Amino acid sequence: MKLKKILIATLTIVPTVALISASCGNTQNLDALKDFISKTKLSDILDGAEQVDSPKKAEDLEEGKKQVSNKAV
């Protein structure tokens, strides 16, 4: 019974650790985004963005439109 519990715990933990280490290793796009945000004024980022209470899904927006939610998501 103890071996069965250890096996179940191992099968749960190993994929989780593998997923976390794989996702943490690839941050090129995140680093580029952080760099872009630090070099760009907030007013330039929000230029042309519509402020709404409940934003539409990205696929429902017209091409080139931006929305910013007034509420935390």
Protein backbone atom coordinates (compact mmCIF):
# COMPACT_ATOMS: atom_id res chain seq x y z
CA MET A 1 0.00 0.00 0.00
CA LYS A 2 2.84 2.38 0.84
CA LEU A 3 4.51 1.64 -2.50
CA LYS A 4 1.26 2.39 -4.32
CA LYS A 5 1.00 5.81 -2.62
CA ILE A 6 4.60 6.62 -3.48
CA LEU A 7 4.03 5.64 -7.11
CA ILE A 8 0.90 7.82 -7.35
CA ALA A 9 2.73 10.76 -5.77
CA THR A 10 5.65 10.32 -8.17
CA LEU A 11 3.34 10.17 -11.18
CA THR A 12 1.76 13.42 -10.03
CA ILE A 13 4.90 15.35 -9.11
CA VAL A 14 7.23 14.46 -12.01
CA PRO A 15 5.03 15.85 -14.83
CA THR A 16 4.37 19.01 -12.81
CA VAL A 17 8.08 19.64 -12.25
CA ALA A 18 8.82 18.94 -15.92
CA LEU A 19 6.12 21.39 -17.03
CA ILE A 20 7.33 24.12 -14.69
CA SER A 21 10.97 23.77 -15.72
CA ALA A 22 10.06 23.72 -19.42
CA SER A 23 7.90 26.84 -19.16
CA CYS A 24 10.47 28.75 -17.11
CA GLY A 25 13.29 28.03 -19.53
CA ASN A 26 11.75 29.75 -22.56
CA THR A 27 11.27 33.44 -21.72
CA GLN A 28 12.54 35.16 -24.86
CA ASN A 29 9.15 36.68 -25.70
CA LEU A 30 8.57 37.69 -22.08
CA ASP A 31 11.98 39.37 -21.93
CA ALA A 32 11.23 41.23 -25.17
CA LEU A 33 7.85 42.34 -23.79
CA LYS A 34 9.45 43.59 -20.55
CA ASP A 35 12.04 45.49 -22.59
CA PHE A 36 9.34 47.01 -24.83
CA ILE A 37 7.24 48.11 -21.85
CA SER A 38 10.19 49.67 -20.04
CA LYS A 39 11.17 51.71 -23.13
CA THR A 40 7.65 52.78 -24.18
CA LYS A 41 5.45 55.42 -22.57
CA LEU A 42 2.14 54.17 -21.17
CA SER A 43 0.28 56.78 -23.20
CA ASP A 44 1.80 55.35 -26.41
CA ILE A 45 0.80 51.80 -25.45
CA LEU A 46 -2.77 52.87 -24.65
CA ASP A 47 -3.10 55.14 -27.70
CA GLY A 48 -6.30 54.20 -29.52
CA ALA A 49 -7.41 51.73 -26.84
CA GLU A 50 -11.04 51.75 -25.75
CA GLN A 51 -11.63 51.54 -21.99
CA VAL A 52 -14.49 49.14 -21.19
CA ASP A 53 -15.93 47.41 -18.12
CA SER A 54 -16.17 43.98 -19.73
CA PRO A 55 -13.82 43.43 -22.68
CA LYS A 56 -14.74 41.36 -25.71
CA LYS A 57 -12.80 38.25 -26.64
CA ALA A 58 -9.82 38.92 -28.92
CA GLU A 59 -11.44 37.06 -31.82
CA ASP A 60 -14.58 39.26 -31.54
CA LEU A 61 -12.66 42.54 -31.90
CA GLU A 62 -12.23 44.26 -35.23
CA GLU A 63 -8.70 44.01 -36.62
CA GLY A 64 -6.41 46.65 -35.14
CA LYS A 65 -8.75 47.56 -32.25
CA LYS A 66 -7.53 47.53 -28.65
CA GLN A 67 -9.51 47.33 -25.42
CA VAL A 68 -8.45 47.90 -21.83
CA SER A 69 -10.58 46.61 -18.96
CA ASN A 70 -11.39 49.00 -16.13
CA LYS A 71 -11.66 46.00 -13.77
CA ALA A 72 -8.93 43.58 -12.77
CA VAL A 73 -9.29 40.31 -14.61
